[in-house]
Amino acid sequence: MRCSGISVASGEQIEIFFDNSIETVERVLADLSDPPFVAPGWIDLQVNGFAGVDYSSPEASHEDIARSLRALHATGVTRLFATVITGPNERIAASLRNLAVARESFPEGESIEGIHLEGPYISPEDGPRGAHPRRWVRPPDLAEFERFQDSARGLIKLVTLAPEWPEAPHFIETLAGRGIVVSIGHTTATSEEIAAAVSAGATMSTHLGNAAHDALPRRSNYIWAQLAQDRLAAGFIVDGLHLDNEFLRVALRAKGIERSVLVTDAVAPAGCAPGRYRHGEVEVELTSDDRVLLLDHSRLAGSVLRMDRGIGNLMQLAGLSLREAVTMATRNPARAGRIAGRHKGLIPGERADIVQFRLDEATARLRIENVFLGGRKVYSA
């Protein structure tokens, strides 16, 4: 197969020839007629659900999971880490098992590159805990994690935890030694505990700037400590709600584009009408202004952000170029999530995950035209 367009990376007009991986990329000498932009497909490392489907629910049908993935393809997403949040042991294991079986049950399942286990090894404190149910928060337990990984058929590729637990350094070192990405999040850790986690092998921060106390010490806190750690990449939810624009701009400068990752933290209501939905065992409400809130409206509980909108938001809210914003949605999450075949962009040998799109420069809105997953066309406008 082949497709063409203006390379986001180089600005050149190119034609890509591919099967399940990219075979050749040629510069087009004659100008194409009204070419779209072309880029690697988006990668989202934190998707709790989409199109009304909750990935933390063991009752989610395989047909519904497939439908949610098709809806994600329409936004340009080609690879994702389906995310399972804090809950009782049996429910987490059942959700992991359901996702693993679903992944093998239909062609769309190829998009589930792995599973992100967000909790239950997080802070029990209000604020840092976020919307996770407190009663199921617990310290890291390697034996329990082994059972979770067995249920997931080895698909757990990323684990978010709070490094202040006494068990955390050994837990992090063990997982990192197995090639599992460990991310710091939902934490009250001191600078020393964060440094110890990094030394043990933690390499990422989960939705940095969120899941925090309303007030923090101004000179030393767990947000500054993570921003200052050059060995940590950081995920950012860029929906205009989770982060103030000033913090987003400063955080991106601190991390540098090369260590910054766009994530959505999308939950089941994403792509749906306002109303009440489930997020794990918690009931949430999607309001008319696109906020996902606990029913008492005390705090946000995930987002309804789409990756294509997130790219536009990075341009509008943070002043990034299209190339920088797309890098945060493609190569950076591939590196942070250790996703093979997606680190280098549109070059021969990389997976044929490709998106063609148009850009409205006045509004920074992207319009997805075609999406290829491993060389298969999975969406066409």
Protein backbone atom coordinates (compact mmCIF):
# COMPACT_ATOMS: atom_id res chain seq x y z
CA MET A 1 0.00 0.00 0.00
CA ARG A 2 1.01 3.63 -0.20
CA CYS A 3 -0.04 7.05 0.97
CA SER A 4 1.33 10.55 0.57
CA GLY A 5 1.29 13.99 2.10
CA ILE A 6 3.35 16.69 3.76
CA SER A 7 5.64 15.17 6.38
CA VAL A 8 5.05 16.85 9.74
CA ALA A 9 8.66 16.05 10.65
CA SER A 10 10.40 17.51 7.59
CA GLY A 11 7.84 19.69 5.83
CA GLU A 12 8.58 17.83 2.60
CA GLN A 13 6.02 16.18 0.34
CA ILE A 14 6.57 12.43 0.64
CA GLU A 15 5.12 9.14 -0.52
CA ILE A 16 5.21 6.15 1.82
CA PHE A 17 5.16 2.56 0.59
CA PHE A 18 4.29 -0.02 3.22
CA ASP A 19 2.96 -3.43 4.15
CA ASN A 20 2.74 -4.07 7.89
CA SER A 21 5.91 -2.00 8.23
CA ILE A 22 7.20 0.95 6.23
CA GLU A 23 9.22 -0.21 3.22
CA THR A 24 10.32 3.00 1.52
CA VAL A 25 9.75 6.73 1.88
CA GLU A 26 10.32 8.85 -1.21
CA ARG A 27 10.34 12.58 -1.64
CA VAL A 28 7.75 13.70 -4.18
CA LEU A 29 9.42 15.88 -6.79
CA ALA A 30 6.27 17.28 -8.37
CA ASP A 31 3.92 19.14 -6.02
CA LEU A 32 0.97 17.08 -4.85
CA SER A 33 -2.50 18.52 -5.34
CA ASP A 34 -3.87 19.78 -2.00
CA PRO A 35 -1.88 17.30 0.12
CA PRO A 36 -2.81 16.46 3.71
CA PHE A 37 -0.27 16.25 6.49
CA VAL A 38 1.13 12.79 7.22
CA ALA A 39 2.60 11.56 10.51
CA PRO A 40 2.98 8.42 12.59
CA GLY A 41 -0.26 7.40 14.29
CA TRP A 42 -0.85 8.76 17.77
CA ILE A 43 0.10 6.74 20.86
CA ASP A 44 -1.81 7.27 24.13
CA LEU A 45 -0.30 5.73 27.27
CA GLN A 46 -3.33 6.38 29.47
CA VAL A 47 -6.81 5.48 28.21
CA ASN A 48 -9.26 4.37 30.91
CA GLY A 49 -12.09 4.01 28.42
CA PHE A 50 -13.83 5.65 25.49
CA ALA A 51 -17.19 5.83 23.75
CA GLY A 52 -19.06 4.70 26.88
CA VAL A 53 -16.78 1.71 27.54
CA ASP A 54 -14.89 1.41 30.85
CA TYR A 55 -11.70 -0.66 30.57
CA SER A 56 -11.68 -1.16 34.36
CA SER A 57 -14.97 -3.05 34.11
CA PRO A 58 -14.67 -6.83 33.75
CA GLU A 59 -18.23 -6.72 32.37
CA ALA A 60 -17.20 -4.68 29.31
CA SER A 61 -18.06 -6.83 26.30
CA HIS A 62 -15.45 -7.56 23.67
CA GLU A 63 -17.74 -6.08 21.04
CA ASP A 64 -17.94 -2.83 23.02
CA ILE A 65 -14.18 -2.74 23.50
CA ALA A 66 -13.74 -3.17 19.73
CA ARG A 67 -16.24 -0.37 19.12
CA SER A 68 -14.35 1.93 21.49
CA LEU A 69 -11.10 1.21 19.64
CA ARG A 70 -12.72 2.07 16.32
CA ALA A 71 -13.84 5.37 17.85
CA LEU A 72 -10.26 6.00 18.97
CA HIS A 73 -8.97 5.25 15.47
CA ALA A 74 -11.20 8.06 14.21
CA THR A 75 -9.20 10.46 16.42
CA GLY A 76 -5.87 9.26 14.96
CA VAL A 77 -4.90 6.87 17.78
CA THR A 78 -3.17 3.71 16.58
CA ARG A 79 -1.56 2.32 19.77
CA LEU A 80 -2.62 2.70 23.39
CA PHE A 81 -2.15 1.39 26.88
CA ALA A 82 -5.59 0.41 28.15
CA THR A 83 -5.67 1.59 31.75
CA VAL A 84 -7.06 -0.25 34.77
CA ILE A 85 -7.41 1.68 38.03
CA THR A 86 -7.54 0.92 41.75
CA GLY A 87 -10.07 -1.63 42.94
CA PRO A 88 -10.41 -4.92 44.79
CA ASN A 89 -7.97 -7.66 43.84
CA GLU A 90 -10.59 -9.81 42.13
CA ARG A 91 -12.01 -6.95 40.06
CA ILE A 92 -8.60 -5.76 38.86
CA ALA A 93 -7.62 -9.30 37.89
CA ALA A 94 -10.92 -9.85 36.07
CA SER A 95 -10.57 -6.56 34.18
CA LEU A 96 -7.02 -7.42 33.14
CA ARG A 97 -8.11 -10.86 31.99
CA ASN A 98 -11.00 -9.40 30.02
CA LEU A 99 -8.76 -6.92 28.20
CA ALA A 100 -6.14 -9.57 27.42
CA VAL A 101 -8.72 -11.93 25.94
CA ALA A 102 -10.46 -9.09 24.07
CA ARG A 103 -7.17 -8.04 22.52
CA GLU A 104 -6.86 -11.44 20.86
CA SER A 105 -10.52 -11.68 19.88
CA PHE A 106 -10.85 -9.07 17.13
CA PRO A 107 -8.61 -7.22 14.64
CA GLU A 108 -9.02 -3.89 16.44
CA GLY A 109 -7.34 -5.46 19.46
CA GLU A 110 -3.94 -4.85 17.85
CA SER A 111 -4.27 -1.25 19.03
CA ILE A 112 -3.96 -2.38 22.66
CA GLU A 113 -0.18 -2.32 22.83
CA GLY A 114 -0.26 -3.02 26.54
CA ILE A 115 -1.99 -2.32 29.83
CA HIS A 116 -1.30 0.53 32.23
CA LEU A 117 -1.98 -0.48 35.84
CA GLU A 118 -2.71 2.84 37.58
CA GLY A 119 -2.86 1.85 41.22
CA PRO A 120 -3.71 0.32 43.61
CA TYR A 121 -0.24 1.14 44.97
CA ILE A 122 -0.87 4.87 45.38
CA SER A 123 -1.30 7.43 48.18
CA PRO A 124 -4.42 7.05 50.31
CA GLU A 125 -4.53 10.82 51.00
CA ASP A 126 -7.32 13.01 49.67
CA GLY A 127 -6.04 15.04 46.74
CA PRO A 128 -3.10 12.88 45.62
CA ARG A 129 -5.41 9.85 45.53
CA GLY A 130 -7.56 11.60 42.92
CA ALA A 131 -10.79 9.75 42.10
CA HIS A 132 -9.43 6.33 43.10
CA PRO A 133 -11.48 4.63 45.86
CA ARG A 134 -9.58 4.89 49.14
CA ARG A 135 -10.66 1.56 50.59
CA TRP A 136 -8.74 -0.38 47.93
CA VAL A 137 -5.47 1.59 48.09
CA ARG A 138 -2.63 -0.58 49.40
CA PRO A 139 1.19 -0.87 49.44
CA PRO A 140 3.09 -2.49 46.55
CA ASP A 141 2.96 -6.27 46.69
CA LEU A 142 5.10 -8.26 44.27
CA ALA A 143 3.16 -11.49 44.78
CA GLU A 144 -0.09 -9.72 44.01
CA PHE A 145 1.44 -8.02 40.97
CA GLU A 146 2.59 -11.41 39.67
CA ARG A 147 -1.01 -12.61 39.82
CA PHE A 148 -2.16 -9.46 38.02
CA GLN A 149 0.45 -10.00 35.30
CA ASP A 150 -0.67 -13.62 34.89
CA SER A 151 -4.27 -12.42 34.49
CA ALA A 152 -3.10 -9.88 31.91
CA ARG A 153 -1.12 -12.52 29.99
CA GLY A 154 2.02 -10.43 30.41
CA LEU A 155 0.44 -7.30 28.96
CA ILE A 156 1.06 -4.95 31.90
CA LYS A 157 3.70 -2.65 30.43
CA LEU A 158 3.34 0.40 32.70
CA VAL A 159 2.60 0.73 36.41
CA THR A 160 1.80 3.97 38.25
CA LEU A 161 2.63 3.98 41.96
CA ALA A 162 3.45 6.28 44.87
CA PRO A 163 7.12 5.82 45.81
CA GLU A 164 6.69 6.78 49.47
CA TRP A 165 5.58 3.25 50.39
CA PRO A 166 8.47 1.45 52.19
CA GLU A 167 8.09 -1.44 49.74
CA ALA A 168 8.37 0.81 46.70
CA PRO A 169 12.13 0.87 45.90
CA HIS A 170 12.46 -2.93 45.72
CA PHE A 171 9.16 -3.18 43.82
CA ILE A 172 10.32 -0.57 41.28
CA GLU A 173 13.71 -2.22 40.84
CA THR A 174 12.10 -5.61 40.23
CA LEU A 175 9.61 -4.33 37.64
CA ALA A 176 12.17 -2.17 35.88
CA GLY A 177 14.45 -5.19 35.63
CA ARG A 178 11.69 -6.95 33.71
CA GLY A 179 11.30 -4.10 31.23
CA ILE A 180 8.11 -2.72 32.78
CA VAL A 181 7.86 1.06 32.85
CA VAL A 182 7.33 2.42 36.36
CA SER A 183 5.73 5.85 36.63
CA ILE A 184 5.45 8.07 39.69
CA GLY A 185 1.94 9.35 40.34
CA HIS A 186 -0.83 9.87 42.90
CA THR A 187 1.93 10.55 45.40
CA THR A 188 2.92 12.54 48.48
CA ALA A 189 6.58 11.56 48.19
CA THR A 190 9.44 13.70 49.43
CA SER A 191 12.24 14.76 47.11
CA GLU A 192 14.41 12.04 48.67
CA GLU A 193 11.77 9.36 48.04
CA ILE A 194 11.38 10.49 44.44
CA ALA A 195 15.13 10.41 43.95
CA ALA A 196 15.23 6.89 45.40
CA ALA A 197 12.47 5.81 43.01
CA VAL A 198 14.41 7.19 40.05
CA SER A 199 17.56 5.41 41.22
CA ALA A 200 15.54 2.19 41.47
CA GLY A 201 14.36 2.54 37.86
CA ALA A 202 11.28 4.79 37.68
CA THR A 203 11.34 6.65 34.37
CA MET A 204 8.08 8.58 34.10
CA SER A 205 5.59 10.84 35.91
CA THR A 206 1.87 10.15 35.50
CA HIS A 207 -0.28 13.19 34.50
CA LEU A 208 2.13 15.56 36.22
CA GLY A 209 0.44 18.52 37.91
CA ASN A 210 -2.71 16.57 38.73
CA ALA A 211 -3.73 14.28 41.60
CA ALA A 212 -2.21 16.64 44.14
CA HIS A 213 -3.06 18.60 47.27
CA ASP A 214 -4.77 21.94 46.73
CA ALA A 215 -1.88 23.68 48.53
CA LEU A 216 1.80 22.68 48.53
CA PRO A 217 4.99 24.00 50.14
CA ARG A 218 6.33 26.63 47.78
CA ARG A 219 10.03 25.65 47.85
CA SER A 220 10.00 21.86 47.99
CA ASN A 221 7.20 19.55 46.89
CA TYR A 222 6.56 16.44 44.84
CA ILE A 223 5.72 18.39 41.67
CA TRP A 224 8.94 20.45 41.68
CA ALA A 225 10.93 17.31 42.55
CA GLN A 226 9.61 15.45 39.53
CA LEU A 227 10.09 18.42 37.21
CA ALA A 228 13.70 18.63 38.36
CA GLN A 229 14.45 14.95 37.65
CA ASP A 230 15.91 14.83 34.14
CA ARG A 231 15.60 11.04 34.10
CA LEU A 232 11.79 11.27 34.31
CA ALA A 233 9.61 11.79 31.26
CA ALA A 234 6.25 13.35 32.13
CA GLY A 235 2.72 12.85 30.88
CA PHE A 236 0.48 15.92 30.58
CA ILE A 237 -3.32 16.08 30.16
CA VAL A 238 -3.73 19.06 27.82
CA ASP A 239 -7.49 19.60 27.78
CA GLY A 240 -7.51 23.17 29.11
CA LEU A 241 -9.10 21.93 32.35
CA HIS A 242 -6.56 19.79 34.17
CA LEU A 243 -3.66 22.24 33.96
CA ASP A 244 -3.38 26.01 34.02
CA ASN A 245 -1.72 27.33 30.87
CA GLU A 246 1.08 28.94 32.89
CA PHE A 247 1.95 25.68 34.63
CA LEU A 248 1.82 23.80 31.31
CA ARG A 249 4.24 26.21 29.64
CA VAL A 250 6.67 26.18 32.57
CA ALA A 251 6.50 22.38 32.92
CA LEU A 252 7.22 21.88 29.22
CA ARG A 253 10.23 24.18 29.50
CA ALA A 254 11.48 22.28 32.55
CA LYS A 255 11.09 18.88 30.93
CA GLY A 256 11.89 19.92 27.39
CA ILE A 257 9.79 18.66 24.50
CA GLU A 258 11.96 15.54 24.31
CA ARG A 259 10.79 14.35 27.77
CA SER A 260 7.16 15.46 27.49
CA VAL A 261 4.29 13.14 26.57
CA LEU A 262 0.71 14.00 25.63
CA VAL A 263 -1.83 11.74 27.35
CA THR A 264 -5.61 11.99 27.50
CA ASP A 265 -6.50 10.09 30.70
CA ALA A 266 -9.77 9.56 28.81
CA VAL A 267 -12.54 7.77 30.69
CA ALA A 268 -15.71 6.03 29.55
CA PRO A 269 -17.74 9.24 28.92
CA ALA A 270 -15.23 10.42 26.29
CA GLY A 271 -17.07 10.79 23.01
CA CYS A 272 -20.47 10.62 24.73
CA ALA A 273 -23.28 12.97 25.71
CA PRO A 274 -23.37 14.59 29.18
CA GLY A 275 -24.72 12.34 31.91
CA ARG A 276 -23.71 9.79 34.54
CA TYR A 277 -21.19 7.03 33.84
CA ARG A 278 -18.97 4.52 35.66
CA HIS A 279 -15.21 4.87 36.13
CA GLY A 280 -14.09 1.70 37.86
CA GLU A 281 -16.41 1.34 40.83
CA VAL A 282 -16.92 5.13 41.03
CA GLU A 283 -19.91 6.92 39.51
CA VAL A 284 -18.98 10.11 37.66
CA GLU A 285 -20.81 12.85 35.80
CA LEU A 286 -19.91 14.34 32.43
CA THR A 287 -21.03 17.97 32.45
CA SER A 288 -21.98 20.13 29.48
CA ASP A 289 -18.58 21.88 29.61
CA ASP A 290 -16.67 18.60 29.16
CA ARG A 291 -15.67 18.10 32.79
CA VAL A 292 -15.75 14.58 34.25
CA LEU A 293 -16.47 15.01 37.95
CA LEU A 294 -17.23 12.91 40.99
CA LEU A 295 -20.94 13.16 41.76
CA ASP A 296 -20.29 15.67 44.55
CA HIS A 297 -18.37 17.77 42.00
CA SER A 298 -15.41 17.88 44.41
CA ARG A 299 -12.77 16.97 41.85
CA LEU A 300 -12.05 15.88 38.29
CA ALA A 301 -12.17 12.16 37.56
CA GLY A 302 -10.41 11.74 34.24
CA SER A 303 -11.09 13.55 30.99
CA VAL A 304 -12.92 13.36 27.68
CA LEU A 305 -9.89 14.61 25.76
CA ARG A 306 -9.13 13.21 22.30
CA MET A 307 -5.52 13.00 21.15
CA ASP A 308 -6.19 15.04 18.00
CA ARG A 309 -7.69 17.81 20.14
CA GLY A 310 -4.78 17.52 22.56
CA ILE A 311 -2.33 18.20 19.72
CA GLY A 312 -4.28 21.32 18.76
CA ASN A 313 -4.41 22.40 22.41
CA LEU A 314 -0.63 22.11 22.70
CA MET A 315 -0.34 24.51 19.79
CA GLN A 316 -2.92 26.97 21.11
CA LEU A 317 -2.31 26.82 24.87
CA ALA A 318 1.43 26.13 25.01
CA GLY A 319 2.55 27.79 21.79
CA LEU A 320 4.12 24.64 20.35
CA SER A 321 4.65 24.06 16.65
CA LEU A 322 2.73 21.28 14.90
CA ARG A 323 5.94 19.26 14.73
CA GLU A 324 6.57 19.59 18.48
CA ALA A 325 2.96 18.76 19.38
CA VAL A 326 2.92 15.68 17.13
CA THR A 327 6.23 14.53 18.60
CA MET A 328 4.58 14.56 22.04
CA ALA A 329 1.85 12.29 20.64
CA THR A 330 4.04 9.86 18.69
CA ARG A 331 7.78 9.37 19.20
CA ASN A 332 7.87 10.52 22.82
CA PRO A 333 5.19 8.12 24.12
CA ALA A 334 6.81 5.34 22.08
CA ARG A 335 10.10 5.96 23.87
CA ALA A 336 8.55 6.50 27.31
CA GLY A 337 6.36 3.41 26.93
CA ARG A 338 9.12 1.32 25.30
CA ILE A 339 6.95 0.56 22.28
CA ALA A 340 9.12 -1.17 19.69
CA GLY A 341 9.01 -0.09 16.07
CA ARG A 342 7.66 3.38 16.84
CA HIS A 343 10.68 5.35 18.07
CA LYS A 344 12.01 6.84 14.84
CA GLY A 345 9.05 8.23 12.90
CA LEU A 346 8.17 7.57 9.28
CA ILE A 347 11.25 5.66 8.17
CA PRO A 348 11.75 2.20 6.62
CA GLY A 349 11.48 -0.62 9.13
CA GLU A 350 9.11 1.16 11.51
CA ARG A 351 5.57 -0.11 11.98
CA ALA A 352 3.14 1.20 9.38
CA ASP A 353 1.02 3.17 11.86
CA ILE A 354 0.19 6.27 9.84
CA VAL A 355 -2.30 9.13 10.04
CA GLN A 356 -3.24 11.62 7.32
CA PHE A 357 -4.95 14.79 8.49
CA ARG A 358 -5.79 18.41 7.72
CA LEU A 359 -5.06 21.36 9.99
CA ASP A 360 -7.19 24.46 10.40
CA GLU A 361 -4.46 26.91 11.33
CA ALA A 362 -6.90 29.51 12.64
CA THR A 363 -8.37 27.16 15.25
CA ALA A 364 -5.55 24.58 15.50
CA ARG A 365 -8.17 21.87 14.92
CA LEU A 366 -7.07 18.66 13.23
CA ARG A 367 -9.40 16.76 10.90
CA ILE A 368 -8.42 13.11 10.56
CA GLU A 369 -8.72 11.72 7.02
CA ASN A 370 -7.12 8.25 7.02
CA VAL A 371 -5.57 6.03 9.68
CA PHE A 372 -3.44 2.93 9.10
CA LEU A 373 -2.63 0.42 11.84
CA GLY A 374 0.16 -2.02 11.04
CA GLY A 375 -0.49 -1.35 7.36
CA ARG A 376 -4.27 -1.88 7.54
CA LYS A 377 -6.60 1.04 6.92
CA VAL A 378 -8.70 1.23 10.07
CA TYR A 379 -10.37 4.60 9.50
CA SER A 380 -11.28 6.74 6.52
CA ALA A 381 -13.26 9.97 6.64
